[in-house]
Amino acid sequence: AETEMDPLLFDVLWHTTRIVGFGGSIEVL
């Protein structure tokens, strides 16, 4: 099943990667 994910969630994730300096692939559990 799919849903419309909140685009702000992607921003939270993106900003978090920038803060910690991570540039690899994020594992989604």
Full PDB file with SEQRES, HELIX, SHEET, SSBOND, CRYST1, ORIGX, SCALE, CONECT and MASTER records, all heavy atoms in Angstrom:
SEQRES   1 A   29  ALA GLU THR GLU MET ASP PRO LEU LEU PHE ASP VAL LEU          
SEQRES   2 A   29  TRP HIS THR THR ARG ILE VAL GLY PHE GLY GLY SER ILE          
SEQRES   3 A   29  GLU VAL LEU                                                  
HELIX    1 AA1 PRO A    7  VAL A   20  1                                  14    
CRYST1    1.000    1.000    1.000  90.00  90.00  90.00 P 1           1          
ORIGX1      1.000000  0.000000  0.000000        0.00000                         
ORIGX2      0.000000  1.000000  0.000000        0.00000                         
ORIGX3      0.000000  0.000000  1.000000        0.00000                         
SCALE1      1.000000  0.000000  0.000000        0.00000                         
SCALE2      0.000000  1.000000  0.000000        0.00000                         
SCALE3      0.000000  0.000000  1.000000        0.00000                         
ATOM      1  N   ALA A   1       0.841  -1.201   0.000  1.00  0.00           N  
ATOM      2  CA  ALA A   1       0.000   0.000   0.000  1.00  0.00           C  
ATOM      3  C   ALA A   1       0.877   1.252   0.000  1.00  0.00           C  
ATOM      4  O   ALA A   1       1.927   1.286   0.639  1.00  0.00           O  
ATOM      5  CB  ALA A   1      -0.913   0.004   1.224  1.00  0.00           C  
ATOM      6  N   GLU A   2       0.429   2.265  -0.725  1.00  0.00           N  
ATOM      7  CA  GLU A   2       1.151   3.533  -0.810  1.00  0.00           C  
ATOM      8  C   GLU A   2       0.295   4.647  -0.233  1.00  0.00           C  
ATOM      9  O   GLU A   2      -0.930   4.523  -0.147  1.00  0.00           O  
ATOM     10  CB  GLU A   2       1.468   3.882  -2.270  1.00  0.00           C  
ATOM     11  CG  GLU A   2       2.423   2.941  -2.933  1.00  0.00           C  
ATOM     12  CD  GLU A   2       2.735   3.341  -4.375  1.00  0.00           C  
ATOM     13  OE1 GLU A   2       2.601   4.535  -4.724  1.00  0.00           O  
ATOM     14  OE2 GLU A   2       3.094   2.448  -5.156  1.00  0.00           O  
ATOM     15  N   THR A   3       0.961   5.751   0.122  1.00  0.00           N  
ATOM     16  CA  THR A   3       0.267   6.958   0.546  1.00  0.00           C  
ATOM     17  C   THR A   3       1.076   8.164   0.092  1.00  0.00           C  
ATOM     18  O   THR A   3       2.208   8.005  -0.390  1.00  0.00           O  
ATOM     19  CB  THR A   3       0.064   6.986   2.075  1.00  0.00           C  
ATOM     20  OG1 THR A   3      -0.893   7.995   2.405  1.00  0.00           O  
ATOM     21  CG2 THR A   3       1.361   7.255   2.813  1.00  0.00           C  
ATOM     22  N   GLU A   4       0.496   9.326   0.224  1.00  0.00           N  
ATOM     23  CA  GLU A   4       1.212  10.567  -0.064  1.00  0.00           C  
ATOM     24  C   GLU A   4       2.060  10.897   1.159  1.00  0.00           C  
ATOM     25  O   GLU A   4       1.524  11.260   2.209  1.00  0.00           O  
ATOM     26  CB  GLU A   4       0.217  11.694  -0.350  1.00  0.00           C  
ATOM     27  CG  GLU A   4       0.853  13.015  -0.702  1.00  0.00           C  
ATOM     28  CD  GLU A   4       1.485  13.009  -2.084  1.00  0.00           C  
ATOM     29  OE1 GLU A   4       1.044  12.265  -2.980  1.00  0.00           O  
ATOM     30  OE2 GLU A   4       2.449  13.780  -2.263  1.00  0.00           O  
ATOM     31  N   MET A   5       3.368  10.742   1.036  1.00  0.00           N  
ATOM     32  CA  MET A   5       4.275  11.053   2.136  1.00  0.00           C  
ATOM     33  C   MET A   5       4.392  12.570   2.285  1.00  0.00           C  
ATOM     34  O   MET A   5       4.298  13.311   1.303  1.00  0.00           O  
ATOM     35  CB  MET A   5       5.663  10.446   1.888  1.00  0.00           C  
ATOM     36  CG  MET A   5       5.685   8.923   1.775  1.00  0.00           C  
ATOM     37  SD  MET A   5       5.237   8.048   3.291  1.00  0.00           S  
ATOM     38  CE  MET A   5       6.638   8.410   4.340  1.00  0.00           C  
ATOM     39  N   ASP A   6       4.593  13.032   3.510  1.00  0.00           N  
ATOM     40  CA  ASP A   6       4.748  14.452   3.783  1.00  0.00           C  
ATOM     41  C   ASP A   6       6.103  14.922   3.246  1.00  0.00           C  
ATOM     42  O   ASP A   6       7.144  14.457   3.714  1.00  0.00           O  
ATOM     43  CB  ASP A   6       4.659  14.693   5.288  1.00  0.00           C  
ATOM     44  CG  ASP A   6       4.745  16.158   5.679  1.00  0.00           C  
ATOM     45  OD1 ASP A   6       4.936  17.024   4.795  1.00  0.00           O  
ATOM     46  OD2 ASP A   6       4.621  16.435   6.885  1.00  0.00           O  
ATOM     47  N   PRO A   7       6.144  15.832   2.274  1.00  0.00           N  
ATOM     48  CA  PRO A   7       7.428  16.297   1.735  1.00  0.00           C  
ATOM     49  C   PRO A   7       8.329  16.936   2.797  1.00  0.00           C  
ATOM     50  O   PRO A   7       9.552  16.882   2.680  1.00  0.00           O  
ATOM     51  CB  PRO A   7       7.028  17.327   0.674  1.00  0.00           C  
ATOM     52  CG  PRO A   7       5.637  16.977   0.297  1.00  0.00           C  
ATOM     53  CD  PRO A   7       5.010  16.419   1.545  1.00  0.00           C  
ATOM     54  N   LEU A   8       7.732  17.491   3.845  1.00  0.00           N  
ATOM     55  CA  LEU A   8       8.539  18.063   4.922  1.00  0.00           C  
ATOM     56  C   LEU A   8       9.399  16.988   5.595  1.00  0.00           C  
ATOM     57  O   LEU A   8      10.508  17.271   6.059  1.00  0.00           O  
ATOM     58  CB  LEU A   8       7.644  18.753   5.947  1.00  0.00           C  
ATOM     59  CG  LEU A   8       8.355  19.465   7.101  1.00  0.00           C  
ATOM     60  CD1 LEU A   8       9.314  20.539   6.585  1.00  0.00           C  
ATOM     61  CD2 LEU A   8       7.339  20.071   8.061  1.00  0.00           C  
ATOM     62  N   LEU A   9       8.919  15.745   5.599  1.00  0.00           N  
ATOM     63  CA  LEU A   9       9.708  14.647   6.162  1.00  0.00           C  
ATOM     64  C   LEU A   9      11.017  14.472   5.382  1.00  0.00           C  
ATOM     65  O   LEU A   9      12.069  14.226   5.971  1.00  0.00           O  
ATOM     66  CB  LEU A   9       8.897  13.351   6.138  1.00  0.00           C  
ATOM     67  CG  LEU A   9       9.578  12.104   6.691  1.00  0.00           C  
ATOM     68  CD1 LEU A   9       9.939  12.276   8.163  1.00  0.00           C  
ATOM     69  CD2 LEU A   9       8.673  10.892   6.487  1.00  0.00           C  
ATOM     70  N   PHE A  10      10.957  14.637   4.070  1.00  0.00           N  
ATOM     71  CA  PHE A  10      12.170  14.536   3.261  1.00  0.00           C  
ATOM     72  C   PHE A  10      13.133  15.668   3.595  1.00  0.00           C  
ATOM     73  O   PHE A  10      14.344  15.482   3.612  1.00  0.00           O  
ATOM     74  CB  PHE A  10      11.830  14.521   1.770  1.00  0.00           C  
ATOM     75  CG  PHE A  10      10.825  13.463   1.400  1.00  0.00           C  
ATOM     76  CD1 PHE A  10       9.815  13.745   0.494  1.00  0.00           C  
ATOM     77  CD2 PHE A  10      10.864  12.194   1.957  1.00  0.00           C  
ATOM     78  CE1 PHE A  10       8.877  12.783   0.141  1.00  0.00           C  
ATOM     79  CE2 PHE A  10       9.936  11.223   1.620  1.00  0.00           C  
ATOM     80  CZ  PHE A  10       8.940  11.527   0.708  1.00  0.00           C  
ATOM     81  N   ASP A  11      12.572  16.856   3.867  1.00  0.00           N  
ATOM     82  CA  ASP A  11      13.411  17.983   4.267  1.00  0.00           C  
ATOM     83  C   ASP A  11      14.089  17.719   5.608  1.00  0.00           C  
ATOM     84  O   ASP A  11      15.274  18.009   5.786  1.00  0.00           O  
ATOM     85  CB  ASP A  11      12.595  19.275   4.355  1.00  0.00           C  
ATOM     86  CG  ASP A  11      12.096  19.755   2.997  1.00  0.00           C  
ATOM     87  OD1 ASP A  11      12.699  19.387   1.974  1.00  0.00           O  
ATOM     88  OD2 ASP A  11      11.100  20.493   2.981  1.00  0.00           O  
ATOM     89  N   VAL A  12      13.341  17.179   6.565  1.00  0.00           N  
ATOM     90  CA  VAL A  12      13.924  16.843   7.868  1.00  0.00           C  
ATOM     91  C   VAL A  12      15.085  15.868   7.670  1.00  0.00           C  
ATOM     92  O   VAL A  12      16.172  16.050   8.223  1.00  0.00           O  
ATOM     93  CB  VAL A  12      12.862  16.241   8.819  1.00  0.00           C  
ATOM     94  CG1 VAL A  12      13.500  15.656  10.068  1.00  0.00           C  
ATOM     95  CG2 VAL A  12      11.813  17.282   9.180  1.00  0.00           C  
ATOM     96  N   LEU A  13      14.865  14.858   6.856  1.00  0.00           N  
ATOM     97  CA  LEU A  13      15.902  13.868   6.589  1.00  0.00           C  
ATOM     98  C   LEU A  13      17.099  14.496   5.891  1.00  0.00           C  
ATOM     99  O   LEU A  13      18.257  14.272   6.269  1.00  0.00           O  
ATOM    100  CB  LEU A  13      15.305  12.730   5.753  1.00  0.00           C  
ATOM    101  CG  LEU A  13      16.194  11.530   5.488  1.00  0.00           C  
ATOM    102  CD1 LEU A  13      16.691  10.902   6.784  1.00  0.00           C  
ATOM    103  CD2 LEU A  13      15.428  10.501   4.656  1.00  0.00           C  
ATOM    104  N   TRP A  14      16.848  15.312   4.874  1.00  0.00           N  
ATOM    105  CA  TRP A  14      17.925  15.948   4.113  1.00  0.00           C  
ATOM    106  C   TRP A  14      18.757  16.874   5.012  1.00  0.00           C  
ATOM    107  O   TRP A  14      19.982  16.819   5.001  1.00  0.00           O  
ATOM    108  CB  TRP A  14      17.354  16.714   2.924  1.00  0.00           C  
ATOM    109  CG  TRP A  14      18.405  17.293   2.032  1.00  0.00           C  
ATOM    110  CD1 TRP A  14      19.127  16.632   1.069  1.00  0.00           C  
ATOM    111  CD2 TRP A  14      18.871  18.644   2.019  1.00  0.00           C  
ATOM    112  NE1 TRP A  14      20.002  17.502   0.458  1.00  0.00           N  
ATOM    113  CE2 TRP A  14      19.866  18.745   1.034  1.00  0.00           C  
ATOM    114  CE3 TRP A  14      18.542  19.786   2.748  1.00  0.00           C  
ATOM    115  CZ2 TRP A  14      20.535  19.932   0.744  1.00  0.00           C  
ATOM    116  CZ3 TRP A  14      19.208  20.966   2.465  1.00  0.00           C  
ATOM    117  CH2 TRP A  14      20.189  21.033   1.475  1.00  0.00           C  
ATOM    118  N   HIS A  15      18.088  17.713   5.794  1.00  0.00           N  
ATOM    119  CA  HIS A  15      18.814  18.622   6.689  1.00  0.00           C  
ATOM    120  C   HIS A  15      19.611  17.840   7.735  1.00  0.00           C  
ATOM    121  O   HIS A  15      20.725  18.219   8.082  1.00  0.00           O  
ATOM    122  CB  HIS A  15      17.862  19.604   7.376  1.00  0.00           C  
ATOM    123  CG  HIS A  15      17.344  20.676   6.472  1.00  0.00           C  
ATOM    124  ND1 HIS A  15      18.173  21.605   5.865  1.00  0.00           N  
ATOM    125  CD2 HIS A  15      16.083  20.968   6.068  1.00  0.00           C  
ATOM    126  CE1 HIS A  15      17.437  22.436   5.136  1.00  0.00           C  
ATOM    127  NE2 HIS A  15      16.167  22.061   5.232  1.00  0.00           N  
ATOM    128  N   THR A  16      19.055  16.732   8.207  1.00  0.00           N  
ATOM    129  CA  THR A  16      19.780  15.902   9.187  1.00  0.00           C  
ATOM    130  C   THR A  16      21.059  15.351   8.581  1.00  0.00           C  
ATOM    131  O   THR A  16      22.114  15.359   9.225  1.00  0.00           O  
ATOM    132  CB  THR A  16      18.869  14.766   9.707  1.00  0.00           C  
ATOM    133  OG1 THR A  16      17.698  15.342  10.303  1.00  0.00           O  
ATOM    134  CG2 THR A  16      19.578  13.913  10.739  1.00  0.00           C  
ATOM    135  N   THR A  17      20.995  14.895   7.318  1.00  0.00           N  
ATOM    136  CA  THR A  17      22.216  14.385   6.678  1.00  0.00           C  
ATOM    137  C   THR A  17      23.259  15.489   6.554  1.00  0.00           C  
ATOM    138  O   THR A  17      24.448  15.242   6.742  1.00  0.00           O  
ATOM    139  CB  THR A  17      21.943  13.796   5.269  1.00  0.00           C  
ATOM    140  OG1 THR A  17      21.481  14.815   4.389  1.00  0.00           O  
ATOM    141  CG2 THR A  17      20.970  12.645   5.327  1.00  0.00           C  
ATOM    142  N   ARG A  18      22.814  16.693   6.241  1.00  0.00           N  
ATOM    143  CA  ARG A  18      23.753  17.825   6.092  1.00  0.00           C  
ATOM    144  C   ARG A  18      24.417  18.175   7.418  1.00  0.00           C  
ATOM    145  O   ARG A  18      25.606  18.467   7.455  1.00  0.00           O  
ATOM    146  CB  ARG A  18      23.017  19.041   5.529  1.00  0.00           C  
ATOM    147  CG  ARG A  18      22.304  18.819   4.213  1.00  0.00           C  
ATOM    148  CD  ARG A  18      23.243  18.777   3.073  1.00  0.00           C  
ATOM    149  NE  ARG A  18      23.757  20.118   2.869  1.00  0.00           N  
ATOM    150  CZ  ARG A  18      24.201  20.590   1.735  1.00  0.00           C  
ATOM    151  NH1 ARG A  18      24.180  19.822   0.673  1.00  0.00           N  
ATOM    152  NH2 ARG A  18      24.677  21.802   1.638  1.00  0.00           N  
ATOM    153  N   ILE A  19      23.656  18.166   8.493  1.00  0.00           N  
ATOM    154  CA  ILE A  19      24.200  18.524   9.803  1.00  0.00           C  
ATOM    155  C   ILE A  19      25.283  17.545  10.236  1.00  0.00           C  
ATOM    156  O   ILE A  19      26.323  17.951  10.755  1.00  0.00           O  
ATOM    157  CB  ILE A  19      23.080  18.613  10.864  1.00  0.00           C  
ATOM    158  CG1 ILE A  19      22.149  19.796  10.543  1.00  0.00           C  
ATOM    159  CG2 ILE A  19      23.663  18.762  12.269  1.00  0.00           C  
ATOM    160  CD1 ILE A  19      20.854  19.793  11.332  1.00  0.00           C  
ATOM    161  N   VAL A  20      25.054  16.237  10.019  1.00  0.00           N  
ATOM    162  CA  VAL A  20      26.054  15.243  10.443  1.00  0.00           C  
ATOM    163  C   VAL A  20      27.127  15.003   9.381  1.00  0.00           C  
ATOM    164  O   VAL A  20      28.088  14.284   9.624  1.00  0.00           O  
ATOM    165  CB  VAL A  20      25.429  13.891  10.864  1.00  0.00           C  
ATOM    166  CG1 VAL A  20      24.491  14.074  12.027  1.00  0.00           C  
ATOM    167  CG2 VAL A  20      24.747  13.196   9.711  1.00  0.00           C  
ATOM    168  N   GLY A  21      26.964  15.589   8.193  1.00  0.00           N  
ATOM    169  CA  GLY A  21      27.964  15.425   7.140  1.00  0.00           C  
ATOM    170  C   GLY A  21      27.910  14.076   6.455  1.00  0.00           C  
ATOM    171  O   GLY A  21      28.922  13.573   5.963  1.00  0.00           O  
ATOM    172  N   PHE A  22      26.720  13.482   6.362  1.00  0.00           N  
ATOM    173  CA  PHE A  22      26.580  12.167   5.751  1.00  0.00           C  
ATOM    174  C   PHE A  22      26.215  12.312   4.282  1.00  0.00           C  
ATOM    175  O   PHE A  22      25.281  13.035   3.931  1.00  0.00           O  
ATOM    176  CB  PHE A  22      25.496  11.357   6.473  1.00  0.00           C  
ATOM    177  CG  PHE A  22      25.313   9.971   5.944  1.00  0.00           C  
ATOM    178  CD1 PHE A  22      26.255   8.993   6.197  1.00  0.00           C  
ATOM    179  CD2 PHE A  22      24.210   9.647   5.168  1.00  0.00           C  
ATOM    180  CE1 PHE A  22      26.095   7.709   5.697  1.00  0.00           C  
ATOM    181  CE2 PHE A  22      24.036   8.368   4.673  1.00  0.00           C  
ATOM    182  CZ  PHE A  22      24.988   7.392   4.936  1.00  0.00           C  
ATOM    183  N   GLY A  23      26.935  11.603   3.407  1.00  0.00           N  
ATOM    184  CA  GLY A  23      26.673  11.689   1.978  1.00  0.00           C  
ATOM    185  C   GLY A  23      26.362  10.361   1.330  1.00  0.00           C  
ATOM    186  O   GLY A  23      26.244  10.283   0.110  1.00  0.00           O  
ATOM    187  N   GLY A  24      26.188   9.320   2.123  1.00  0.00           N  
ATOM    188  CA  GLY A  24      25.927   7.995   1.562  1.00  0.00           C  
ATOM    189  C   GLY A  24      24.443   7.699   1.427  1.00  0.00           C  
ATOM    190  O   GLY A  24      23.610   8.586   1.484  1.00  0.00           O  
ATOM    191  N   SER A  25      24.149   6.415   1.260  1.00  0.00           N  
ATOM    192  CA  SER A  25      22.756   5.967   1.149  1.00  0.00           C  
ATOM    193  C   SER A  25      22.167   5.754   2.540  1.00  0.00           C  
ATOM    194  O   SER A  25      22.770   5.084   3.382  1.00  0.00           O  
ATOM    195  CB  SER A  25      22.672   4.666   0.360  1.00  0.00           C  
ATOM    196  OG  SER A  25      22.995   4.913  -0.992  1.00  0.00           O  
ATOM    197  N   ILE A  26      21.001   6.298   2.752  1.00  0.00           N  
ATOM    198  CA  ILE A  26      20.285   6.197   4.023  1.00  0.00           C  
ATOM    199  C   ILE A  26      19.503   4.895   4.020  1.00  0.00           C  
ATOM    200  O   ILE A  26      18.785   4.585   3.061  1.00  0.00           O  
ATOM    201  CB  ILE A  26      19.315   7.390   4.169  1.00  0.00           C  
ATOM    202  CG1 ILE A  26      20.098   8.700   4.129  1.00  0.00           C  
ATOM    203  CG2 ILE A  26      18.472   7.261   5.430  1.00  0.00           C  
ATOM    204  CD1 ILE A  26      19.253   9.902   3.760  1.00  0.00           C  
ATOM    205  N   GLU A  27      19.620   4.127   5.095  1.00  0.00           N  
ATOM    206  CA  GLU A  27      18.846   2.900   5.236  1.00  0.00           C  
ATOM    207  C   GLU A  27      17.496   3.241   5.847  1.00  0.00           C  
ATOM    208  O   GLU A  27      17.423   3.841   6.921  1.00  0.00           O  
ATOM    209  CB  GLU A  27      19.564   1.888   6.123  1.00  0.00           C  
ATOM    210  CG  GLU A  27      20.799   1.304   5.492  1.00  0.00           C  
ATOM    211  CD  GLU A  27      21.456   0.243   6.361  1.00  0.00           C  
ATOM    212  OE1 GLU A  27      20.983  -0.035   7.486  1.00  0.00           O  
ATOM    213  OE2 GLU A  27      22.459  -0.312   5.900  1.00  0.00           O  
ATOM    214  N   VAL A  28      16.420   2.855   5.155  1.00  0.00           N  
ATOM    215  CA  VAL A  28      15.061   3.072   5.650  1.00  0.00           C  
ATOM    216  C   VAL A  28      14.536   1.735   6.151  1.00  0.00           C  
ATOM    217  O   VAL A  28      14.358   0.799   5.380  1.00  0.00           O  
ATOM    218  CB  VAL A  28      14.141   3.624   4.534  1.00  0.00           C  
ATOM    219  CG1 VAL A  28      12.718   3.812   5.064  1.00  0.00           C  
ATOM    220  CG2 VAL A  28      14.693   4.925   3.974  1.00  0.00           C  
ATOM    221  N   LEU A  29      14.298   1.659   7.459  1.00  0.00           N  
ATOM    222  CA  LEU A  29      13.788   0.434   8.051  1.00  0.00           C  
ATOM    223  C   LEU A  29      12.272   0.366   7.990  1.00  0.00           C  
ATOM    224  O   LEU A  29      11.696  -0.719   7.873  1.00  0.00           O  
ATOM    225  CB  LEU A  29      14.252   0.320   9.504  1.00  0.00           C  
ATOM    226  CG  LEU A  29      15.698  -0.096   9.703  1.00  0.00           C  
ATOM    227  CD1 LEU A  29      16.675   0.967   9.257  1.00  0.00           C  
ATOM    228  CD2 LEU A  29      15.947  -0.436  11.149  1.00  0.00           C  
TER     229      LEU A  29                                                      
MASTER        0    0    0    1    0    0    0    6  228    1    0    3          
END                                                                             
